[in-house]
Amino acid sequence: MNEKNYSEMTEHELRQEIARLKEKARKAEQLGIINEFAVYERKALMAQAYMMDPDEFVPGEVYRILGDEGNFFQVDYLKGRFAWGHRLGGELHTEALPISMLQNLKKGK
């Protein structure tokens, strides 16, 4: 299964991959291997992005950044499973975030 790209996986395969990556991240965290933990967490976020509909993200809208509480991201445009834009309140440099890191403010979660 590691040979497949996330874009080629079914939803079931993506769910299995996310669970596998989260388990590896948990083990790395227990062992104190923080850089490995971060890599697995980021890979799980990327896999989650492939289970989401990019059309739900609107250029010009502002979203919460999951895992970075109190920070907000304004989307300029989307390319694939990434939202390109900038964080509010800081330097206005453009960056890309996986759409799985963004949460709609209107949903109130």
PDB file of N, CA and C in Angstrom:
ATOM      1  N   MET A   1       0.819  -1.195   0.000  1.00  0.00           N
ATOM      2  CA  MET A   1       0.000   0.000   0.000  1.00  0.00           C
ATOM      3  C   MET A   1       0.868   1.265   0.000  1.00  0.00           C
ATOM      4  N   ASN A   2       2.083   1.191   0.483  1.00  0.00           N
ATOM      5  CA  ASN A   2       2.952   2.364   0.518  1.00  0.00           C
ATOM      6  C   ASN A   2       3.328   2.846  -0.872  1.00  0.00           C
ATOM      7  N   GLU A   3       3.092   2.006  -1.887  1.00  0.00           N
ATOM      8  CA  GLU A   3       3.455   2.376  -3.247  1.00  0.00           C
ATOM      9  C   GLU A   3       2.454   3.352  -3.854  1.00  0.00           C
ATOM     10  N   LYS A   4       1.245   3.390  -3.330  1.00  0.00           N
ATOM     11  CA  LYS A   4       0.199   4.246  -3.876  1.00  0.00           C
ATOM     12  C   LYS A   4       0.327   5.683  -3.362  1.00  0.00           C
ATOM     13  N   ASN A   5       0.005   6.628  -4.242  1.00  0.00           N
ATOM     14  CA  ASN A   5      -0.121   8.018  -3.815  1.00  0.00           C
ATOM     15  C   ASN A   5      -1.455   8.179  -3.112  1.00  0.00           C
ATOM     16  N   TYR A   6      -1.555   9.175  -2.246  1.00  0.00           N
ATOM     17  CA  TYR A   6      -2.821   9.412  -1.552  1.00  0.00           C
ATOM     18  C   TYR A   6      -3.948   9.654  -2.552  1.00  0.00           C
ATOM     19  N   SER A   7      -3.631  10.310  -3.652  1.00  0.00           N
ATOM     20  CA  SER A   7      -4.659  10.622  -4.652  1.00  0.00           C
ATOM     21  C   SER A   7      -5.225   9.373  -5.310  1.00  0.00           C
ATOM     22  N   GLU A   8      -4.512   8.255  -5.223  1.00  0.00           N
ATOM     23  CA  GLU A   8      -4.949   6.997  -5.847  1.00  0.00           C
ATOM     24  C   GLU A   8      -5.689   6.093  -4.863  1.00  0.00           C
ATOM     25  N   MET A   9      -5.690   6.454  -3.585  1.00  0.00           N
ATOM     26  CA  MET A   9      -6.276   5.592  -2.557  1.00  0.00           C
ATOM     27  C   MET A   9      -7.784   5.806  -2.439  1.00  0.00           C
ATOM     28  N   THR A  10      -8.477   4.742  -2.054  1.00  0.00           N
ATOM     29  CA  THR A  10      -9.905   4.844  -1.741  1.00  0.00           C
ATOM     30  C   THR A  10     -10.034   5.478  -0.350  1.00  0.00           C
ATOM     31  N   GLU A  11     -11.242   5.868   0.009  1.00  0.00           N
ATOM     32  CA  GLU A  11     -11.459   6.449   1.337  1.00  0.00           C
ATOM     33  C   GLU A  11     -11.071   5.448   2.428  1.00  0.00           C
ATOM     34  N   HIS A  12     -11.409   4.175   2.213  1.00  0.00           N
ATOM     35  CA  HIS A  12     -11.059   3.131   3.185  1.00  0.00           C
ATOM     36  C   HIS A  12      -9.540   3.025   3.338  1.00  0.00           C
ATOM     37  N   GLU A  13      -8.821   3.033   2.219  1.00  0.00           N
ATOM     38  CA  GLU A  13      -7.354   2.956   2.279  1.00  0.00           C
ATOM     39  C   GLU A  13      -6.770   4.187   2.977  1.00  0.00           C
ATOM     40  N   LEU A  14      -7.351   5.358   2.700  1.00  0.00           N
ATOM     41  CA  LEU A  14      -6.876   6.581   3.362  1.00  0.00           C
ATOM     42  C   LEU A  14      -7.084   6.496   4.869  1.00  0.00           C
ATOM     43  N   ARG A  15      -8.251   5.993   5.287  1.00  0.00           N
ATOM     44  CA  ARG A  15      -8.524   5.853   6.730  1.00  0.00           C
ATOM     45  C   ARG A  15      -7.515   4.909   7.376  1.00  0.00           C
ATOM     46  N   GLN A  16      -7.204   3.805   6.709  1.00  0.00           N
ATOM     47  CA  GLN A  16      -6.210   2.853   7.235  1.00  0.00           C
ATOM     48  C   GLN A  16      -4.833   3.517   7.327  1.00  0.00           C
ATOM     49  N   GLU A  17      -4.475   4.267   6.300  1.00  0.00           N
ATOM     50  CA  GLU A  17      -3.178   4.947   6.269  1.00  0.00           C
ATOM     51  C   GLU A  17      -3.088   5.987   7.388  1.00  0.00           C
ATOM     52  N   ILE A  18      -4.151   6.740   7.598  1.00  0.00           N
ATOM     53  CA  ILE A  18      -4.173   7.744   8.666  1.00  0.00           C
ATOM     54  C   ILE A  18      -4.012   7.072  10.024  1.00  0.00           C
ATOM     55  N   ALA A  19      -4.721   5.979  10.237  1.00  0.00           N
ATOM     56  CA  ALA A  19      -4.609   5.246  11.510  1.00  0.00           C
ATOM     57  C   ALA A  19      -3.187   4.729  11.707  1.00  0.00           C
ATOM     58  N   ARG A  20      -2.585   4.202  10.629  1.00  0.00           N
ATOM     59  CA  ARG A  20      -1.217   3.683  10.700  1.00  0.00           C
ATOM     60  C   ARG A  20      -0.238   4.808  11.043  1.00  0.00           C
ATOM     61  N   LEU A  21      -0.390   5.951  10.388  1.00  0.00           N
ATOM     62  CA  LEU A  21       0.510   7.080  10.628  1.00  0.00           C
ATOM     63  C   LEU A  21       0.340   7.642  12.038  1.00  0.00           C
ATOM     64  N   LYS A  22      -0.892   7.708  12.511  1.00  0.00           N
ATOM     65  CA  LYS A  22      -1.137   8.218  13.867  1.00  0.00           C
ATOM     66  C   LYS A  22      -0.537   7.280  14.916  1.00  0.00           C
ATOM     67  N   GLU A  23      -0.602   5.988  14.661  1.00  0.00           N
ATOM     68  CA  GLU A  23       0.001   5.025  15.587  1.00  0.00           C
ATOM     69  C   GLU A  23       1.523   5.192  15.598  1.00  0.00           C
ATOM     70  N   LYS A  24       2.127   5.358  14.419  1.00  0.00           N
ATOM     71  CA  LYS A  24       3.578   5.582  14.352  1.00  0.00           C
ATOM     72  C   LYS A  24       3.953   6.880  15.062  1.00  0.00           C
ATOM     73  N   ALA A  25       3.123   7.915  14.893  1.00  0.00           N
ATOM     74  CA  ALA A  25       3.378   9.199  15.556  1.00  0.00           C
ATOM     75  C   ALA A  25       3.303   9.025  17.071  1.00  0.00           C
ATOM     76  N   ARG A  26       2.308   8.278  17.534  1.00  0.00           N
ATOM     77  CA  ARG A  26       2.143   8.041  18.973  1.00  0.00           C
ATOM     78  C   ARG A  26       3.370   7.334  19.543  1.00  0.00           C
ATOM     79  N   LYS A  27       3.850   6.308  18.828  1.00  0.00           N
ATOM     80  CA  LYS A  27       5.028   5.562  19.293  1.00  0.00           C
ATOM     81  C   LYS A  27       6.266   6.456  19.306  1.00  0.00           C
ATOM     82  N   ALA A  28       6.429   7.272  18.269  1.00  0.00           N
ATOM     83  CA  ALA A  28       7.579   8.178  18.213  1.00  0.00           C
ATOM     84  C   ALA A  28       7.530   9.178  19.360  1.00  0.00           C
ATOM     85  N   GLU A  29       6.327   9.664  19.673  1.00  0.00           N
ATOM     86  CA  GLU A  29       6.174  10.617  20.774  1.00  0.00           C
ATOM     87  C   GLU A  29       6.532   9.953  22.108  1.00  0.00           C
ATOM     88  N   GLN A  30       6.090   8.705  22.297  1.00  0.00           N
ATOM     89  CA  GLN A  30       6.402   7.974  23.532  1.00  0.00           C
ATOM     90  C   GLN A  30       7.899   7.772  23.688  1.00  0.00           C
ATOM     91  N   LEU A  31       8.578   7.577  22.558  1.00  0.00           N
ATOM     92  CA  LEU A  31      10.023   7.367  22.591  1.00  0.00           C
ATOM     93  C   LEU A  31      10.794   8.683  22.636  1.00  0.00           C
ATOM     94  N   GLY A  32      10.077   9.790  22.548  1.00  0.00           N
ATOM     95  CA  GLY A  32      10.726  11.091  22.609  1.00  0.00           C
ATOM     96  C   GLY A  32      11.403  11.498  21.321  1.00  0.00           C
ATOM     97  N   ILE A  33      11.026  10.885  20.215  1.00  0.00           N
ATOM     98  CA  ILE A  33      11.619  11.211  18.917  1.00  0.00           C
ATOM     99  C   ILE A  33      10.706  12.247  18.245  1.00  0.00           C
ATOM    100  N   ILE A  34      10.886  13.493  18.641  1.00  0.00           N
ATOM    101  CA  ILE A  34       9.956  14.557  18.262  1.00  0.00           C
ATOM    102  C   ILE A  34       9.957  14.828  16.756  1.00  0.00           C
ATOM    103  N   ASN A  35      11.134  14.803  16.117  1.00  0.00           N
ATOM    104  CA  ASN A  35      11.152  15.081  14.675  1.00  0.00           C
ATOM    105  C   ASN A  35      10.406  13.997  13.893  1.00  0.00           C
ATOM    106  N   GLU A  36      10.528  12.742  14.310  1.00  0.00           N
ATOM    107  CA  GLU A  36       9.810  11.649  13.663  1.00  0.00           C
ATOM    108  C   GLU A  36       8.304  11.792  13.909  1.00  0.00           C
ATOM    109  N   PHE A  37       7.935  12.166  15.130  1.00  0.00           N
ATOM    110  CA  PHE A  37       6.540  12.414  15.473  1.00  0.00           C
ATOM    111  C   PHE A  37       5.953  13.465  14.526  1.00  0.00           C
ATOM    112  N   ALA A  38       6.672  14.564  14.318  1.00  0.00           N
ATOM    113  CA  ALA A  38       6.195  15.658  13.468  1.00  0.00           C
ATOM    114  C   ALA A  38       6.003  15.196  12.019  1.00  0.00           C
ATOM    115  N   VAL A  39       6.904  14.353  11.534  1.00  0.00           N
ATOM    116  CA  VAL A  39       6.802  13.851  10.159  1.00  0.00           C
ATOM    117  C   VAL A  39       5.541  13.005   9.999  1.00  0.00           C
ATOM    118  N   TYR A  40       5.285  12.097  10.928  1.00  0.00           N
ATOM    119  CA  TYR A  40       4.092  11.249  10.834  1.00  0.00           C
ATOM    120  C   TYR A  40       2.803  12.061  10.978  1.00  0.00           C
ATOM    121  N   GLU A  41       2.827  13.058  11.863  1.00  0.00           N
ATOM    122  CA  GLU A  41       1.653  13.923  12.025  1.00  0.00           C
ATOM    123  C   GLU A  41       1.351  14.655  10.717  1.00  0.00           C
ATOM    124  N   ARG A  42       2.393  15.179  10.072  1.00  0.00           N
ATOM    125  CA  ARG A  42       2.217  15.924   8.819  1.00  0.00           C
ATOM    126  C   ARG A  42       1.722  15.001   7.706  1.00  0.00           C
ATOM    127  N   LYS A  43       2.254  13.791   7.661  1.00  0.00           N
ATOM    128  CA  LYS A  43       1.793  12.825   6.643  1.00  0.00           C
ATOM    129  C   LYS A  43       0.321  12.478   6.855  1.00  0.00           C
ATOM    130  N   ALA A  44      -0.096  12.325   8.111  1.00  0.00           N
ATOM    131  CA  ALA A  44      -1.502  12.028   8.405  1.00  0.00           C
ATOM    132  C   ALA A  44      -2.388  13.194   7.964  1.00  0.00           C
ATOM    133  N   LEU A  45      -1.933  14.422   8.185  1.00  0.00           N
ATOM    134  CA  LEU A  45      -2.685  15.596   7.732  1.00  0.00           C
ATOM    135  C   LEU A  45      -2.826  15.607   6.216  1.00  0.00           C
ATOM    136  N   MET A  46      -1.763  15.215   5.521  1.00  0.00           N
ATOM    137  CA  MET A  46      -1.827  15.178   4.055  1.00  0.00           C
ATOM    138  C   MET A  46      -2.825  14.119   3.592  1.00  0.00           C
ATOM    139  N   ALA A  47      -2.806  12.958   4.226  1.00  0.00           N
ATOM    140  CA  ALA A  47      -3.762  11.905   3.855  1.00  0.00           C
ATOM    141  C   ALA A  47      -5.192  12.377   4.123  1.00  0.00           C
ATOM    142  N   GLN A  48      -5.409  13.073   5.235  1.00  0.00           N
ATOM    143  CA  GLN A  48      -6.738  13.594   5.561  1.00  0.00           C
ATOM    144  C   GLN A  48      -7.212  14.597   4.514  1.00  0.00           C
ATOM    145  N   ALA A  49      -6.279  15.362   3.960  1.00  0.00           N
ATOM    146  CA  ALA A  49      -6.637  16.364   2.949  1.00  0.00           C
ATOM    147  C   ALA A  49      -7.273  15.706   1.726  1.00  0.00           C
ATOM    148  N   TYR A  50      -6.881  14.475   1.443  1.00  0.00           N
ATOM    149  CA  TYR A  50      -7.431  13.765   0.276  1.00  0.00           C
ATOM    150  C   TYR A  50      -8.828  13.206   0.536  1.00  0.00           C
ATOM    151  N   MET A  51      -9.299  13.322   1.761  1.00  0.00           N
ATOM    152  CA  MET A  51     -10.663  12.899   2.082  1.00  0.00           C
ATOM    153  C   MET A  51     -11.605  14.101   2.119  1.00  0.00           C
ATOM    154  N   MET A  52     -11.069  15.279   1.808  1.00  0.00           N
ATOM    155  CA  MET A  52     -11.847  16.506   1.877  1.00  0.00           C
ATOM    156  C   MET A  52     -12.086  17.065   0.472  1.00  0.00           C
ATOM    157  N   ASP A  53     -13.115  17.874   0.350  1.00  0.00           N
ATOM    158  CA  ASP A  53     -13.462  18.495  -0.921  1.00  0.00           C
ATOM    159  C   ASP A  53     -12.845  19.893  -0.988  1.00  0.00           C
ATOM    160  N   PRO A  54     -11.870  20.102  -1.882  1.00  0.00           N
ATOM    161  CA  PRO A  54     -11.245  21.429  -1.983  1.00  0.00           C
ATOM    162  C   PRO A  54     -12.249  22.537  -2.334  1.00  0.00           C
ATOM    163  N   ASP A  55     -13.363  22.174  -2.963  1.00  0.00           N
ATOM    164  CA  ASP A  55     -14.368  23.177  -3.343  1.00  0.00           C
ATOM    165  C   ASP A  55     -15.048  23.807  -2.132  1.00  0.00           C
ATOM    166  N   GLU A  56     -14.890  23.198  -0.942  1.00  0.00           N
ATOM    167  CA  GLU A  56     -15.479  23.768   0.268  1.00  0.00           C
ATOM    168  C   GLU A  56     -14.666  24.943   0.808  1.00  0.00           C
ATOM    169  N   PHE A  57     -13.484  25.176   0.234  1.00  0.00           N
ATOM    170  CA  PHE A  57     -12.607  26.252   0.679  1.00  0.00           C
ATOM    171  C   PHE A  57     -12.655  27.381  -0.339  1.00  0.00           C
ATOM    172  N   VAL A  58     -12.990  28.568   0.153  1.00  0.00           N
ATOM    173  CA  VAL A  58     -13.274  29.696  -0.727  1.00  0.00           C
ATOM    174  C   VAL A  58     -12.165  30.742  -0.644  1.00  0.00           C
ATOM    175  N   PRO A  59     -11.565  31.091  -1.791  1.00  0.00           N
ATOM    176  CA  PRO A  59     -10.576  32.173  -1.779  1.00  0.00           C
ATOM    177  C   PRO A  59     -11.181  33.451  -1.201  1.00  0.00           C
ATOM    178  N   GLY A  60     -10.392  34.120  -0.363  1.00  0.00           N
ATOM    179  CA  GLY A  60     -10.856  35.332   0.302  1.00  0.00           C
ATOM    180  C   GLY A  60     -11.398  35.067   1.697  1.00  0.00           C
ATOM    181  N   GLU A  61     -11.809  33.836   1.972  1.00  0.00           N
ATOM    182  CA  GLU A  61     -12.345  33.484   3.295  1.00  0.00           C
ATOM    183  C   GLU A  61     -11.204  33.285   4.296  1.00  0.00           C
ATOM    184  N   VAL A  62     -11.549  33.438   5.572  1.00  0.00           N
ATOM    185  CA  VAL A  62     -10.594  33.238   6.668  1.00  0.00           C
ATOM    186  C   VAL A  62     -10.980  31.961   7.410  1.00  0.00           C
ATOM    187  N   TYR A  63      -9.978  31.159   7.759  1.00  0.00           N
ATOM    188  CA  TYR A  63     -10.186  29.879   8.438  1.00  0.00           C
ATOM    189  C   TYR A  63      -9.312  29.801   9.678  1.00  0.00           C
ATOM    190  N   ARG A  64      -9.761  29.007  10.662  1.00  0.00           N
ATOM    191  CA  ARG A  64      -8.922  28.665  11.813  1.00  0.00           C
ATOM    192  C   ARG A  64      -7.841  27.694  11.334  1.00  0.00           C
ATOM    193  N   ILE A  65      -6.677  27.763  11.980  1.00  0.00           N
ATOM    194  CA  ILE A  65      -5.613  26.802  11.689  1.00  0.00           C
ATOM    195  C   ILE A  65      -5.640  25.770  12.808  1.00  0.00           C
ATOM    196  N   LEU A  66      -5.984  24.529  12.476  1.00  0.00           N
ATOM    197  CA  LEU A  66      -6.023  23.468  13.484  1.00  0.00           C
ATOM    198  C   LEU A  66      -4.618  23.220  14.012  1.00  0.00           C
ATOM    199  N   GLY A  67      -4.512  23.053  15.312  1.00  0.00           N
ATOM    200  CA  GLY A  67      -3.212  22.797  15.929  1.00  0.00           C
ATOM    201  C   GLY A  67      -2.400  24.056  16.148  1.00  0.00           C
ATOM    202  N   ASP A  68      -2.939  25.195  15.748  1.00  0.00           N
ATOM    203  CA  ASP A  68      -2.253  26.474  15.924  1.00  0.00           C
ATOM    204  C   ASP A  68      -3.295  27.467  16.423  1.00  0.00           C
ATOM    205  N   GLU A  69      -3.815  27.174  17.613  1.00  0.00           N
ATOM    206  CA  GLU A  69      -4.960  27.905  18.146  1.00  0.00           C
ATOM    207  C   GLU A  69      -4.700  29.408  18.221  1.00  0.00           C
ATOM    208  N   GLY A  70      -5.719  30.165  17.906  1.00  0.00           N
ATOM    209  CA  GLY A  70      -5.616  31.613  17.950  1.00  0.00           C
ATOM    210  C   GLY A  70      -5.054  32.215  16.680  1.00  0.00           C
ATOM    211  N   ASN A  71      -4.649  31.387  15.741  1.00  0.00           N
ATOM    212  CA  ASN A  71      -4.135  31.896  14.472  1.00  0.00           C
ATOM    213  C   ASN A  71      -5.124  31.602  13.357  1.00  0.00           C
ATOM    214  N   PHE A  72      -5.196  32.539  12.426  1.00  0.00           N
ATOM    215  CA  PHE A  72      -6.142  32.432  11.326  1.00  0.00           C
ATOM    216  C   PHE A  72      -5.413  32.577   9.999  1.00  0.00           C
ATOM    217  N   PHE A  73      -6.005  31.990   8.971  1.00  0.00           N
ATOM    218  CA  PHE A  73      -5.376  31.915   7.655  1.00  0.00           C
ATOM    219  C   PHE A  73      -6.374  32.393   6.617  1.00  0.00           C
ATOM    220  N   GLN A  74      -5.952  33.350   5.794  1.00  0.00           N
ATOM    221  CA  GLN A  74      -6.803  33.811   4.702  1.00  0.00           C
ATOM    222  C   GLN A  74      -6.338  33.132   3.414  1.00  0.00           C
ATOM    223  N   VAL A  75      -7.273  32.452   2.763  1.00  0.00           N
ATOM    224  CA  VAL A  75      -6.972  31.717   1.535  1.00  0.00           C
ATOM    225  C   VAL A  75      -6.984  32.679   0.353  1.00  0.00           C
ATOM    226  N   ASP A  76      -5.897  32.662  -0.414  1.00  0.00           N
ATOM    227  CA  ASP A  76      -5.840  33.439  -1.655  1.00  0.00           C
ATOM    228  C   ASP A  76      -6.284  32.581  -2.837  1.00  0.00           C
ATOM    229  N   TYR A  77      -5.779  31.344  -2.884  1.00  0.00           N
ATOM    230  CA  TYR A  77      -6.178  30.415  -3.947  1.00  0.00           C
ATOM    231  C   TYR A  77      -5.868  28.991  -3.520  1.00  0.00           C
ATOM    232  N   LEU A  78      -6.437  28.042  -4.242  1.00  0.00           N
ATOM    233  CA  LEU A  78      -6.195  26.626  -3.965  1.00  0.00           C
ATOM    234  C   LEU A  78      -5.478  25.996  -5.139  1.00  0.00           C
ATOM    235  N   LYS A  79      -4.600  25.071  -4.810  1.00  0.00           N
ATOM    236  CA  LYS A  79      -3.919  24.298  -5.835  1.00  0.00           C
ATOM    237  C   LYS A  79      -3.817  22.881  -5.303  1.00  0.00           C
ATOM    238  N   GLY A  80      -4.570  21.980  -5.912  1.00  0.00           N
ATOM    239  CA  GLY A  80      -4.612  20.609  -5.425  1.00  0.00           C
ATOM    240  C   GLY A  80      -5.231  20.570  -4.046  1.00  0.00           C
ATOM    241  N   ARG A  81      -4.561  19.945  -3.108  1.00  0.00           N
ATOM    242  CA  ARG A  81      -5.073  19.822  -1.731  1.00  0.00           C
ATOM    243  C   ARG A  81      -4.438  20.845  -0.800  1.00  0.00           C
ATOM    244  N   PHE A  82      -3.862  21.893  -1.378  1.00  0.00           N
ATOM    245  CA  PHE A  82      -3.238  22.949  -0.584  1.00  0.00           C
ATOM    246  C   PHE A  82      -3.965  24.268  -0.771  1.00  0.00           C
ATOM    247  N   ALA A  83      -4.104  24.990   0.331  1.00  0.00           N
ATOM    248  CA  ALA A  83      -4.624  26.357   0.291  1.00  0.00           C
ATOM    249  C   ALA A  83      -3.426  27.287   0.406  1.00  0.00           C
ATOM    250  N   TRP A  84      -3.302  28.184  -0.533  1.00  0.00           N
ATOM    251  CA  TRP A  84      -2.229  29.177  -0.521  1.00  0.00           C
ATOM    252  C   TRP A  84      -2.799  30.480  -0.010  1.00  0.00           C
ATOM    253  N   GLY A  85      -2.076  31.123   0.882  1.00  0.00           N
ATOM    254  CA  GLY A  85      -2.537  32.385   1.441  1.00  0.00           C
ATOM    255  C   GLY A  85      -1.572  32.863   2.497  1.00  0.00           C
ATOM    256  N   HIS A  86      -2.124  33.535   3.516  1.00  0.00           N
ATOM    257  CA  HIS A  86      -1.261  34.081   4.569  1.00  0.00           C
ATOM    258  C   HIS A  86      -1.987  34.085   5.904  1.00  0.00           C
ATOM    259  N   ARG A  87      -1.180  34.041   6.959  1.00  0.00           N
ATOM    260  CA  ARG A  87      -1.710  34.110   8.327  1.00  0.00           C
ATOM    261  C   ARG A  87      -2.065  35.560   8.622  1.00  0.00           C
ATOM    262  N   LEU A  88      -3.141  35.743   9.355  1.00  0.00           N
ATOM    263  CA  LEU A  88      -3.553  37.098   9.716  1.00  0.00           C
ATOM    264  C   LEU A  88      -2.745  37.589  10.909  1.00  0.00           C
ATOM    265  N   GLY A  89      -2.449  38.869  10.912  1.00  0.00           N
ATOM    266  CA  GLY A  89      -1.793  39.483  12.057  1.00  0.00           C
ATOM    267  C   GLY A  89      -0.282  39.403  12.047  1.00  0.00           C
ATOM    268  N   GLY A  90       0.275  38.701  11.109  1.00  0.00           N
ATOM    269  CA  GLY A  90       1.730  38.586  11.055  1.00  0.00           C
ATOM    270  C   GLY A  90       2.256  39.209   9.779  1.00  0.00           C
ATOM    271  N   GLU A  91       3.459  38.818   9.423  1.00  0.00           N
ATOM    272  CA  GLU A  91       4.001  39.262   8.147  1.00  0.00           C
ATOM    273  C   GLU A  91       3.165  38.599   7.054  1.00  0.00           C
ATOM    274  N   LEU A  92       2.901  39.327   6.011  1.00  0.00           N
ATOM    275  CA  LEU A  92       2.029  38.809   4.955  1.00  0.00           C
ATOM    276  C   LEU A  92       2.810  38.007   3.920  1.00  0.00           C
ATOM    277  N   HIS A  93       3.560  37.011   4.383  1.00  0.00           N
ATOM    278  CA  HIS A  93       4.235  36.165   3.404  1.00  0.00           C
ATOM    279  C   HIS A  93       3.310  34.998   3.048  1.00  0.00           C
ATOM    280  N   THR A  94       3.342  34.627   1.786  1.00  0.00           N
ATOM    281  CA  THR A  94       2.473  33.565   1.281  1.00  0.00           C
ATOM    282  C   THR A  94       3.023  32.210   1.687  1.00  0.00           C
ATOM    283  N   GLU A  95       2.121  31.331   2.123  1.00  0.00           N
ATOM    284  CA  GLU A  95       2.494  29.957   2.442  1.00  0.00           C
ATOM    285  C   GLU A  95       1.363  29.038   2.032  1.00  0.00           C
ATOM    286  N   ALA A  96       1.654  27.767   1.989  1.00  0.00           N
ATOM    287  CA  ALA A  96       0.650  26.762   1.635  1.00  0.00           C
ATOM    288  C   ALA A  96       0.410  25.851   2.824  1.00  0.00           C
ATOM    289  N   LEU A  97      -0.872  25.574   3.092  1.00  0.00           N
ATOM    290  CA  LEU A  97      -1.245  24.638   4.150  1.00  0.00           C
ATOM    291  C   LEU A  97      -2.144  23.570   3.551  1.00  0.00           C
ATOM    292  N   PRO A  98      -2.001  22.312   3.993  1.00  0.00           N
ATOM    293  CA  PRO A  98      -2.960  21.288   3.553  1.00  0.00           C
ATOM    294  C   PRO A  98      -4.360  21.713   3.999  1.00  0.00           C
ATOM    295  N   ILE A  99      -5.358  21.491   3.168  1.00  0.00           N
ATOM    296  CA  ILE A  99      -6.711  21.916   3.519  1.00  0.00           C
ATOM    297  C   ILE A  99      -7.211  21.243   4.796  1.00  0.00           C
ATOM    298  N   SER A 100      -6.625  20.115   5.159  1.00  0.00           N
ATOM    299  CA  SER A 100      -7.032  19.428   6.385  1.00  0.00           C
ATOM    300  C   SER A 100      -6.642  20.207   7.640  1.00  0.00           C
ATOM    301  N   MET A 101      -5.791  21.224   7.505  1.00  0.00           N
ATOM    302  CA  MET A 101      -5.397  22.049   8.652  1.00  0.00           C
ATOM    303  C   MET A 101      -6.332  23.229   8.847  1.00  0.00           C
ATOM    304  N   LEU A 102      -7.278  23.426   7.930  1.00  0.00           N
ATOM    305  CA  LEU A 102      -8.146  24.595   7.988  1.00  0.00           C
ATOM    306  C   LEU A 102      -9.539  24.220   8.457  1.00  0.00           C
ATOM    307  N   GLN A 103     -10.101  25.062   9.308  1.00  0.00           N
ATOM    308  CA  GLN A 103     -11.445  24.840   9.821  1.00  0.00           C
ATOM    309  C   GLN A 103     -12.274  26.095   9.575  1.00  0.00           C
ATOM    310  N   ASN A 104     -13.446  25.902   9.008  1.00  0.00           N
ATOM    311  CA  ASN A 104     -14.341  26.999   8.697  1.00  0.00           C
ATOM    312  C   ASN A 104     -14.801  27.683   9.980  1.00  0.00           C
ATOM    313  N   LEU A 105     -14.682  28.984  10.039  1.00  0.00           N
ATOM    314  CA  LEU A 105     -15.104  29.753  11.210  1.00  0.00           C
ATOM    315  C   LEU A 105     -16.618  29.681  11.408  1.00  0.00           C
ATOM    316  N   LYS A 106     -17.362  29.539  10.329  1.00  0.00           N
ATOM    317  CA  LYS A 106     -18.812  29.556  10.394  1.00  0.00           C
ATOM    318  C   LYS A 106     -19.399  28.277  10.993  1.00  0.00           C
ATOM    319  N   LYS A 107     -18.633  27.205  10.990  1.00  0.00           N
ATOM    320  CA  LYS A 107     -19.130  25.946  11.537  1.00  0.00           C
ATOM    321  C   LYS A 107     -19.111  25.957  13.056  1.00  0.00           C
ATOM    322  N   GLY A 108     -18.318  26.857  13.629  1.00  0.00           N
ATOM    323  CA  GLY A 108     -18.317  27.048  15.071  1.00  0.00           C
ATOM    324  C   GLY A 108     -17.848  25.862  15.875  1.00  0.00           C
ATOM    325  N   LYS A 109     -16.990  25.033  15.309  1.00  0.00           N
ATOM    326  CA  LYS A 109     -16.506  23.852  16.043  1.00  0.00           C
ATOM    327  C   LYS A 109     -15.429  24.252  17.026  1.00  0.00           C
TER     328      LYS A 109
END
